[in-house]
Amino acid sequence: MSDPFKSHAISASGPAIGALAVTPSDSADLAQAVRAVTIGGEGGTLSFISSRDGQTYTTGDLPPGTYPLCARRIRSSGTTATGLTGWI
C-alpha cells in the first residue's frame, strides 16, 4: 500500500512512525530519540535525558500509560517503571 503522506513533515504532536523496546541505561543513548514512552509493565518513575536540551529529568510516580517526552536516553538510575516502549 502506498503512503500518500510520506512527503509530509510529521509534527511533534503527530503520530508515531516507529517504536523500539527501551532498556534503561546510564551510559548508552537510545538507537533513536523518542517522542513518547509507554509504560507497559509496572508503573513507577522515569528518568531521562532530553533530546532537546540535554538536561536530565525525573518524573514522579506514573501509572502504566503513554507519556509524551523528547528523550535520547532513558536512565536506569531513577527509573523504576518497567515494560518500556519508545515511540519515534
PDB file of N, CA and C in Angstrom:
ATOM      1  N   MET A   1       0.844  -1.166   0.000  1.00  0.00           N
ATOM      2  CA  MET A   1       0.000   0.000   0.000  1.00  0.00           C
ATOM      3  C   MET A   1       0.895   1.237   0.000  1.00  0.00           C
ATOM      4  N   SER A   2       0.587   2.186  -0.836  1.00  0.00           N
ATOM      5  CA  SER A   2       1.374   3.414  -0.869  1.00  0.00           C
ATOM      6  C   SER A   2       0.957   4.338   0.270  1.00  0.00           C
ATOM      7  N   ASP A   3       1.855   5.227   0.657  1.00  0.00           N
ATOM      8  CA  ASP A   3       1.600   6.174   1.742  1.00  0.00           C
ATOM      9  C   ASP A   3       1.483   7.571   1.144  1.00  0.00           C
ATOM     10  N   PRO A   4       0.276   8.114   1.015  1.00  0.00           N
ATOM     11  CA  PRO A   4       0.118   9.426   0.395  1.00  0.00           C
ATOM     12  C   PRO A   4       0.674  10.560   1.250  1.00  0.00           C
ATOM     13  N   PHE A   5       1.021  10.278   2.497  1.00  0.00           N
ATOM     14  CA  PHE A   5       1.523  11.310   3.406  1.00  0.00           C
ATOM     15  C   PHE A   5       3.037  11.246   3.588  1.00  0.00           C
ATOM     16  N   LYS A   6       3.711  10.366   2.851  1.00  0.00           N
ATOM     17  CA  LYS A   6       5.147  10.155   3.032  1.00  0.00           C
ATOM     18  C   LYS A   6       5.972  11.426   2.862  1.00  0.00           C
ATOM     19  N   SER A   7       5.573  12.318   1.998  1.00  0.00           N
ATOM     20  CA  SER A   7       6.354  13.531   1.757  1.00  0.00           C
ATOM     21  C   SER A   7       5.988  14.666   2.721  1.00  0.00           C
ATOM     22  N   HIS A   8       5.035  14.451   3.607  1.00  0.00           N
ATOM     23  CA  HIS A   8       4.617  15.469   4.569  1.00  0.00           C
ATOM     24  C   HIS A   8       5.471  15.375   5.837  1.00  0.00           C
ATOM     25  N   ALA A   9       5.814  16.522   6.396  1.00  0.00           N
ATOM     26  CA  ALA A   9       6.533  16.545   7.671  1.00  0.00           C
ATOM     27  C   ALA A   9       5.585  16.105   8.785  1.00  0.00           C
ATOM     28  N   ILE A  10       6.142  15.413   9.769  1.00  0.00           N
ATOM     29  CA  ILE A  10       5.343  14.993  10.917  1.00  0.00           C
ATOM     30  C   ILE A  10       5.637  15.939  12.060  1.00  0.00           C
ATOM     31  N   SER A  11       4.597  16.524  12.597  1.00  0.00           N
ATOM     32  CA  SER A  11       4.776  17.466  13.700  1.00  0.00           C
ATOM     33  C   SER A  11       5.074  16.719  14.995  1.00  0.00           C
ATOM     34  N   ALA A  12       5.518  17.465  15.993  1.00  0.00           N
ATOM     35  CA  ALA A  12       5.818  16.868  17.292  1.00  0.00           C
ATOM     36  C   ALA A  12       4.590  16.225  17.914  1.00  0.00           C
ATOM     37  N   SER A  13       3.416  16.705  17.565  1.00  0.00           N
ATOM     38  CA  SER A  13       2.187  16.129  18.117  1.00  0.00           C
ATOM     39  C   SER A  13       1.540  15.133  17.155  1.00  0.00           C
ATOM     40  N   GLY A  14       2.214  14.853  16.052  1.00  0.00           N
ATOM     41  CA  GLY A  14       1.693  13.913  15.072  1.00  0.00           C
ATOM     42  C   GLY A  14       1.872  12.467  15.516  1.00  0.00           C
ATOM     43  N   PRO A  15       1.422  11.538  14.687  1.00  0.00           N
ATOM     44  CA  PRO A  15       1.503  10.128  15.040  1.00  0.00           C
ATOM     45  C   PRO A  15       2.938   9.616  15.037  1.00  0.00           C
ATOM     46  N   ALA A  16       3.170   8.579  15.811  1.00  0.00           N
ATOM     47  CA  ALA A  16       4.483   7.933  15.814  1.00  0.00           C
ATOM     48  C   ALA A  16       4.705   7.245  14.475  1.00  0.00           C
ATOM     49  N   ILE A  17       5.954   7.152  14.063  1.00  0.00           N
ATOM     50  CA  ILE A  17       6.267   6.480  12.807  1.00  0.00           C
ATOM     51  C   ILE A  17       7.071   5.201  13.044  1.00  0.00           C
ATOM     52  N   GLY A  18       7.315   4.877  14.302  1.00  0.00           N
ATOM     53  CA  GLY A  18       8.040   3.665  14.645  1.00  0.00           C
ATOM     54  C   GLY A  18       8.107   3.514  16.151  1.00  0.00           C
ATOM     55  N   ALA A  19       8.629   2.373  16.574  1.00  0.00           N
ATOM     56  CA  ALA A  19       8.747   2.085  18.006  1.00  0.00           C
ATOM     57  C   ALA A  19       9.994   1.265  18.261  1.00  0.00           C
ATOM     58  N   LEU A  20      10.465   1.319  19.505  1.00  0.00           N
ATOM     59  CA  LEU A  20      11.600   0.492  19.898  1.00  0.00           C
ATOM     60  C   LEU A  20      11.475   0.113  21.365  1.00  0.00           C
ATOM     61  N   ALA A  21      11.943  -1.082  21.687  1.00  0.00           N
ATOM     62  CA  ALA A  21      11.975  -1.505  23.085  1.00  0.00           C
ATOM     63  C   ALA A  21      13.031  -0.673  23.796  1.00  0.00           C
ATOM     64  N   VAL A  22      12.745  -0.252  25.014  1.00  0.00           N
ATOM     65  CA  VAL A  22      13.664   0.598  25.765  1.00  0.00           C
ATOM     66  C   VAL A  22      14.243  -0.184  26.931  1.00  0.00           C
ATOM     67  N   THR A  23      15.574  -0.263  26.957  1.00  0.00           N
ATOM     68  CA  THR A  23      16.293  -0.804  28.097  1.00  0.00           C
ATOM     69  C   THR A  23      17.007   0.363  28.747  1.00  0.00           C
ATOM     70  N   PRO A  24      16.572   0.768  29.948  1.00  0.00           N
ATOM     71  CA  PRO A  24      17.211   1.910  30.604  1.00  0.00           C
ATOM     72  C   PRO A  24      18.716   1.695  30.787  1.00  0.00           C
ATOM     73  N   SER A  25      19.490   2.764  30.566  1.00  0.00           N
ATOM     74  CA  SER A  25      20.943   2.719  30.691  1.00  0.00           C
ATOM     75  C   SER A  25      21.453   4.087  31.135  1.00  0.00           C
ATOM     76  N   ASP A  26      22.426   4.073  32.011  1.00  0.00           N
ATOM     77  CA  ASP A  26      23.036   5.335  32.426  1.00  0.00           C
ATOM     78  C   ASP A  26      24.123   5.794  31.465  1.00  0.00           C
ATOM     79  N   SER A  27      24.546   4.926  30.539  1.00  0.00           N
ATOM     80  CA  SER A  27      25.666   5.283  29.669  1.00  0.00           C
ATOM     81  C   SER A  27      25.367   5.251  28.173  1.00  0.00           C
ATOM     82  N   ALA A  28      24.314   4.568  27.747  1.00  0.00           N
ATOM     83  CA  ALA A  28      24.056   4.418  26.308  1.00  0.00           C
ATOM     84  C   ALA A  28      22.777   5.139  25.898  1.00  0.00           C
ATOM     85  N   ASP A  29      22.886   5.953  24.845  1.00  0.00           N
ATOM     86  CA  ASP A  29      21.714   6.594  24.270  1.00  0.00           C
ATOM     87  C   ASP A  29      20.860   5.546  23.559  1.00  0.00           C
ATOM     88  N   LEU A  30      19.597   5.875  23.344  1.00  0.00           N
ATOM     89  CA  LEU A  30      18.720   5.022  22.558  1.00  0.00           C
ATOM     90  C   LEU A  30      19.201   4.996  21.111  1.00  0.00           C
ATOM     91  N   ALA A  31      18.796   3.991  20.363  1.00  0.00           N
ATOM     92  CA  ALA A  31      19.176   3.909  18.952  1.00  0.00           C
ATOM     93  C   ALA A  31      18.668   5.117  18.179  1.00  0.00           C
ATOM     94  N   GLN A  32      17.557   5.682  18.634  1.00  0.00           N
ATOM     95  CA  GLN A  32      16.986   6.877  18.032  1.00  0.00           C
ATOM     96  C   GLN A  32      16.219   7.620  19.124  1.00  0.00           C
ATOM     97  N   ALA A  33      16.236   8.938  19.079  1.00  0.00           N
ATOM     98  CA  ALA A  33      15.481   9.724  20.053  1.00  0.00           C
ATOM     99  C   ALA A  33      14.001   9.384  19.924  1.00  0.00           C
ATOM    100  N   VAL A  34      13.288   9.435  21.046  1.00  0.00           N
ATOM    101  CA  VAL A  34      11.871   9.113  21.056  1.00  0.00           C
ATOM    102  C   VAL A  34      11.033  10.345  21.396  1.00  0.00           C
ATOM    103  N   ARG A  35       9.772  10.320  20.983  1.00  0.00           N
ATOM    104  CA  ARG A  35       8.838  11.426  21.235  1.00  0.00           C
ATOM    105  C   ARG A  35       7.823  11.082  22.308  1.00  0.00           C
ATOM    106  N   ALA A  36       7.806   9.811  22.733  1.00  0.00           N
ATOM    107  CA  ALA A  36       6.902   9.371  23.792  1.00  0.00           C
ATOM    108  C   ALA A  36       7.400   8.035  24.323  1.00  0.00           C
ATOM    109  N   VAL A  37       6.996   7.711  25.545  1.00  0.00           N
ATOM    110  CA  VAL A  37       7.328   6.430  26.157  1.00  0.00           C
ATOM    111  C   VAL A  37       6.054   5.824  26.728  1.00  0.00           C
ATOM    112  N   THR A  38       5.865   4.530  26.463  1.00  0.00           N
ATOM    113  CA  THR A  38       4.766   3.796  27.074  1.00  0.00           C
ATOM    114  C   THR A  38       5.318   2.937  28.195  1.00  0.00           C
ATOM    115  N   ILE A  39       4.689   3.032  29.359  1.00  0.00           N
ATOM    116  CA  ILE A  39       4.975   2.129  30.473  1.00  0.00           C
ATOM    117  C   ILE A  39       3.960   1.007  30.358  1.00  0.00           C
ATOM    118  N   GLY A  40       4.420  -0.167  29.980  1.00  0.00           N
ATOM    119  CA  GLY A  40       3.522  -1.296  29.756  1.00  0.00           C
ATOM    120  C   GLY A  40       3.527  -2.309  30.876  1.00  0.00           C
ATOM    121  N   GLY A  41       4.455  -2.161  31.805  1.00  0.00           N
ATOM    122  CA  GLY A  41       4.546  -3.085  32.935  1.00  0.00           C
ATOM    123  C   GLY A  41       4.128  -2.381  34.207  1.00  0.00           C
ATOM    124  N   GLU A  42       4.984  -2.494  35.211  1.00  0.00           N
ATOM    125  CA  GLU A  42       4.726  -1.823  36.481  1.00  0.00           C
ATOM    126  C   GLU A  42       4.939  -0.323  36.331  1.00  0.00           C
ATOM    127  N   GLY A  43       4.036   0.463  36.885  1.00  0.00           N
ATOM    128  CA  GLY A  43       4.218   1.904  36.904  1.00  0.00           C
ATOM    129  C   GLY A  43       5.390   2.273  37.790  1.00  0.00           C
ATOM    130  N   GLY A  44       5.811   3.497  37.720  1.00  0.00           N
ATOM    131  CA  GLY A  44       6.938   3.971  38.523  1.00  0.00           C
ATOM    132  C   GLY A  44       7.465   5.267  37.960  1.00  0.00           C
ATOM    133  N   THR A  45       8.715   5.545  38.207  1.00  0.00           N
ATOM    134  CA  THR A  45       9.331   6.785  37.751  1.00  0.00           C
ATOM    135  C   THR A  45      10.100   6.573  36.452  1.00  0.00           C
ATOM    136  N   LEU A  46      10.287   7.658  35.716  1.00  0.00           N
ATOM    137  CA  LEU A  46      11.133   7.678  34.520  1.00  0.00           C
ATOM    138  C   LEU A  46      12.188   8.759  34.718  1.00  0.00           C
ATOM    139  N   SER A  47      13.426   8.419  34.459  1.00  0.00           N
ATOM    140  CA  SER A  47      14.499   9.399  34.446  1.00  0.00           C
ATOM    141  C   SER A  47      15.061   9.393  33.035  1.00  0.00           C
ATOM    142  N   PHE A  48      15.116  10.570  32.417  1.00  0.00           N
ATOM    143  CA  PHE A  48      15.533  10.622  31.018  1.00  0.00           C
ATOM    144  C   PHE A  48      16.379  11.852  30.741  1.00  0.00           C
ATOM    145  N   ILE A  49      17.162  11.751  29.671  1.00  0.00           N
ATOM    146  CA  ILE A  49      17.933  12.885  29.178  1.00  0.00           C
ATOM    147  C   ILE A  49      17.214  13.406  27.948  1.00  0.00           C
ATOM    148  N   SER A  50      16.853  14.681  27.990  1.00  0.00           N
ATOM    149  CA  SER A  50      16.107  15.304  26.910  1.00  0.00           C
ATOM    150  C   SER A  50      16.938  15.373  25.630  1.00  0.00           C
ATOM    151  N   SER A  51      16.293  15.048  24.518  1.00  0.00           N
ATOM    152  CA  SER A  51      16.963  15.197  23.224  1.00  0.00           C
ATOM    153  C   SER A  51      16.945  16.657  22.775  1.00  0.00           C
ATOM    154  N   ARG A  52      16.219  17.494  23.473  1.00  0.00           N
ATOM    155  CA  ARG A  52      16.126  18.917  23.121  1.00  0.00           C
ATOM    156  C   ARG A  52      17.198  19.753  23.800  1.00  0.00           C
ATOM    157  N   ASP A  53      17.332  19.610  25.124  1.00  0.00           N
ATOM    158  CA  ASP A  53      18.265  20.482  25.847  1.00  0.00           C
ATOM    159  C   ASP A  53      19.375  19.737  26.580  1.00  0.00           C
ATOM    160  N   GLY A  54      19.388  18.394  26.523  1.00  0.00           N
ATOM    161  CA  GLY A  54      20.451  17.617  27.147  1.00  0.00           C
ATOM    162  C   GLY A  54      20.356  17.531  28.658  1.00  0.00           C
ATOM    163  N   GLN A  55      19.309  18.088  29.236  1.00  0.00           N
ATOM    164  CA  GLN A  55      19.128  18.056  30.687  1.00  0.00           C
ATOM    165  C   GLN A  55      18.512  16.730  31.120  1.00  0.00           C
ATOM    166  N   THR A  56      18.766  16.348  32.369  1.00  0.00           N
ATOM    167  CA  THR A  56      18.179  15.144  32.943  1.00  0.00           C
ATOM    168  C   THR A  56      16.929  15.522  33.720  1.00  0.00           C
ATOM    169  N   TYR A  57      15.863  14.768  33.488  1.00  0.00           N
ATOM    170  CA  TYR A  57      14.594  14.986  34.167  1.00  0.00           C
ATOM    171  C   TYR A  57      14.133  13.671  34.773  1.00  0.00           C
ATOM    172  N   THR A  58      13.485  13.752  35.918  1.00  0.00           N
ATOM    173  CA  THR A  58      12.919  12.565  36.561  1.00  0.00           C
ATOM    174  C   THR A  58      11.478  12.876  36.943  1.00  0.00           C
ATOM    175  N   THR A  59      10.578  11.989  36.558  1.00  0.00           N
ATOM    176  CA  THR A  59       9.166  12.167  36.864  1.00  0.00           C
ATOM    177  C   THR A  59       8.869  11.685  38.281  1.00  0.00           C
ATOM    178  N   GLY A  60       7.677  11.993  38.750  1.00  0.00           N
ATOM    179  CA  GLY A  60       7.149  11.351  39.941  1.00  0.00           C
ATOM    180  C   GLY A  60       6.607   9.986  39.533  1.00  0.00           C
ATOM    181  N   ASP A  61       5.951   9.310  40.457  1.00  0.00           N
ATOM    182  CA  ASP A  61       5.356   8.009  40.128  1.00  0.00           C
ATOM    183  C   ASP A  61       4.286   8.161  39.060  1.00  0.00           C
ATOM    184  N   LEU A  62       4.376   7.325  38.026  1.00  0.00           N
ATOM    185  CA  LEU A  62       3.420   7.333  36.924  1.00  0.00           C
ATOM    186  C   LEU A  62       2.750   5.969  36.821  1.00  0.00           C
ATOM    187  N   PRO A  63       1.463   5.928  36.544  1.00  0.00           N
ATOM    188  CA  PRO A  63       0.812   4.642  36.292  1.00  0.00           C
ATOM    189  C   PRO A  63       1.139   4.184  34.866  1.00  0.00           C
ATOM    190  N   PRO A  64       0.884   2.908  34.541  1.00  0.00           N
ATOM    191  CA  PRO A  64       1.077   2.473  33.159  1.00  0.00           C
ATOM    192  C   PRO A  64       0.292   3.377  32.210  1.00  0.00           C
ATOM    193  N   GLY A  65       0.901   3.657  31.065  1.00  0.00           N
ATOM    194  CA  GLY A  65       0.281   4.536  30.075  1.00  0.00           C
ATOM    195  C   GLY A  65       1.344   5.094  29.160  1.00  0.00           C
ATOM    196  N   THR A  66       0.954   6.007  28.290  1.00  0.00           N
ATOM    197  CA  THR A  66       1.868   6.622  27.334  1.00  0.00           C
ATOM    198  C   THR A  66       2.061   8.087  27.684  1.00  0.00           C
ATOM    199  N   TYR A  67       3.329   8.507  27.666  1.00  0.00           N
ATOM    200  CA  TYR A  67       3.693   9.857  28.091  1.00  0.00           C
ATOM    201  C   TYR A  67       4.540  10.535  27.022  1.00  0.00           C
ATOM    202  N   PRO A  68       4.113  11.714  26.544  1.00  0.00           N
ATOM    203  CA  PRO A  68       4.912  12.437  25.550  1.00  0.00           C
ATOM    204  C   PRO A  68       6.143  13.047  26.212  1.00  0.00           C
ATOM    205  N   LEU A  69       7.290  12.815  25.618  1.00  0.00           N
ATOM    206  CA  LEU A  69       8.544  13.416  26.064  1.00  0.00           C
ATOM    207  C   LEU A  69       9.561  13.242  24.950  1.00  0.00           C
ATOM    208  N   CYS A  70      10.538  14.121  24.896  1.00  0.00           N
ATOM    209  CA  CYS A  70      11.608  14.011  23.902  1.00  0.00           C
ATOM    210  C   CYS A  70      12.841  13.520  24.642  1.00  0.00           C
ATOM    211  N   ALA A  71      13.254  12.289  24.363  1.00  0.00           N
ATOM    212  CA  ALA A  71      14.369  11.711  25.101  1.00  0.00           C
ATOM    213  C   ALA A  71      15.353  11.020  24.182  1.00  0.00           C
ATOM    214  N   ARG A  72      16.638  11.209  24.485  1.00  0.00           N
ATOM    215  CA  ARG A  72      17.677  10.472  23.765  1.00  0.00           C
ATOM    216  C   ARG A  72      18.187   9.306  24.600  1.00  0.00           C
ATOM    217  N   ARG A  73      17.899   9.334  25.926  1.00  0.00           N
ATOM    218  CA  ARG A  73      18.307   8.250  26.820  1.00  0.00           C
ATOM    219  C   ARG A  73      17.290   8.124  27.942  1.00  0.00           C
ATOM    220  N   ILE A  74      16.948   6.884  28.282  1.00  0.00           N
ATOM    221  CA  ILE A  74      16.169   6.602  29.481  1.00  0.00           C
ATOM    222  C   ILE A  74      17.168   6.014  30.468  1.00  0.00           C
ATOM    223  N   ARG A  75      17.354   6.706  31.585  1.00  0.00           N
ATOM    224  CA  ARG A  75      18.389   6.334  32.545  1.00  0.00           C
ATOM    225  C   ARG A  75      17.910   5.190  33.456  1.00  0.00           C
ATOM    226  N   SER A  76      18.845   4.294  33.800  1.00  0.00           N
ATOM    227  CA  SER A  76      18.493   3.236  34.747  1.00  0.00           C
ATOM    228  C   SER A  76      18.426   3.793  36.167  1.00  0.00           C
ATOM    229  N   SER A  77      19.314   4.748  36.482  1.00  0.00           N
ATOM    230  CA  SER A  77      19.246   5.414  37.785  1.00  0.00           C
ATOM    231  C   SER A  77      18.032   6.330  37.791  1.00  0.00           C
ATOM    232  N   GLY A  78      17.118   6.081  38.681  1.00  0.00           N
ATOM    233  CA  GLY A  78      15.937   6.930  38.773  1.00  0.00           C
ATOM    234  C   GLY A  78      14.740   6.400  38.020  1.00  0.00           C
ATOM    235  N   THR A  79      14.901   5.343  37.207  1.00  0.00           N
ATOM    236  CA  THR A  79      13.773   4.756  36.505  1.00  0.00           C
ATOM    237  C   THR A  79      13.355   3.477  37.206  1.00  0.00           C
ATOM    238  N   THR A  80      12.101   3.443  37.656  1.00  0.00           N
ATOM    239  CA  THR A  80      11.573   2.244  38.302  1.00  0.00           C
ATOM    240  C   THR A  80      10.445   1.603  37.497  1.00  0.00           C
ATOM    241  N   ALA A  81       9.910   2.320  36.500  1.00  0.00           N
ATOM    242  CA  ALA A  81       8.846   1.782  35.652  1.00  0.00           C
ATOM    243  C   ALA A  81       9.426   0.657  34.774  1.00  0.00           C
ATOM    244  N   THR A  82       8.568  -0.293  34.385  1.00  0.00           N
ATOM    245  CA  THR A  82       9.025  -1.431  33.594  1.00  0.00           C
ATOM    246  C   THR A  82       8.186  -1.577  32.328  1.00  0.00           C
ATOM    247  N   GLY A  83       8.665  -2.420  31.416  1.00  0.00           N
ATOM    248  CA  GLY A  83       7.951  -2.683  30.181  1.00  0.00           C
ATOM    249  C   GLY A  83       7.874  -1.463  29.290  1.00  0.00           C
ATOM    250  N   LEU A  84       9.018  -0.821  29.060  1.00  0.00           N
ATOM    251  CA  LEU A  84       9.047   0.463  28.353  1.00  0.00           C
ATOM    252  C   LEU A  84       9.160   0.303  26.833  1.00  0.00           C
ATOM    253  N   THR A  85       8.365   1.082  26.120  1.00  0.00           N
ATOM    254  CA  THR A  85       8.436   1.176  24.661  1.00  0.00           C
ATOM    255  C   THR A  85       8.615   2.645  24.316  1.00  0.00           C
ATOM    256  N   GLY A  86       9.565   2.933  23.433  1.00  0.00           N
ATOM    257  CA  GLY A  86       9.776   4.290  22.960  1.00  0.00           C
ATOM    258  C   GLY A  86       9.128   4.462  21.603  1.00  0.00           C
ATOM    259  N   TRP A  87       8.503   5.613  21.398  1.00  0.00           N
ATOM    260  CA  TRP A  87       7.811   5.910  20.139  1.00  0.00           C
ATOM    261  C   TRP A  87       8.565   7.001  19.387  1.00  0.00           C
ATOM    262  N   ILE A  88       8.841   6.725  18.132  1.00  0.00           N
ATOM    263  CA  ILE A  88       9.622   7.616  17.271  1.00  0.00           C
ATOM    264  C   ILE A  88       8.673   8.481  16.451  1.00  0.00           C
TER     265      ILE A  88
END
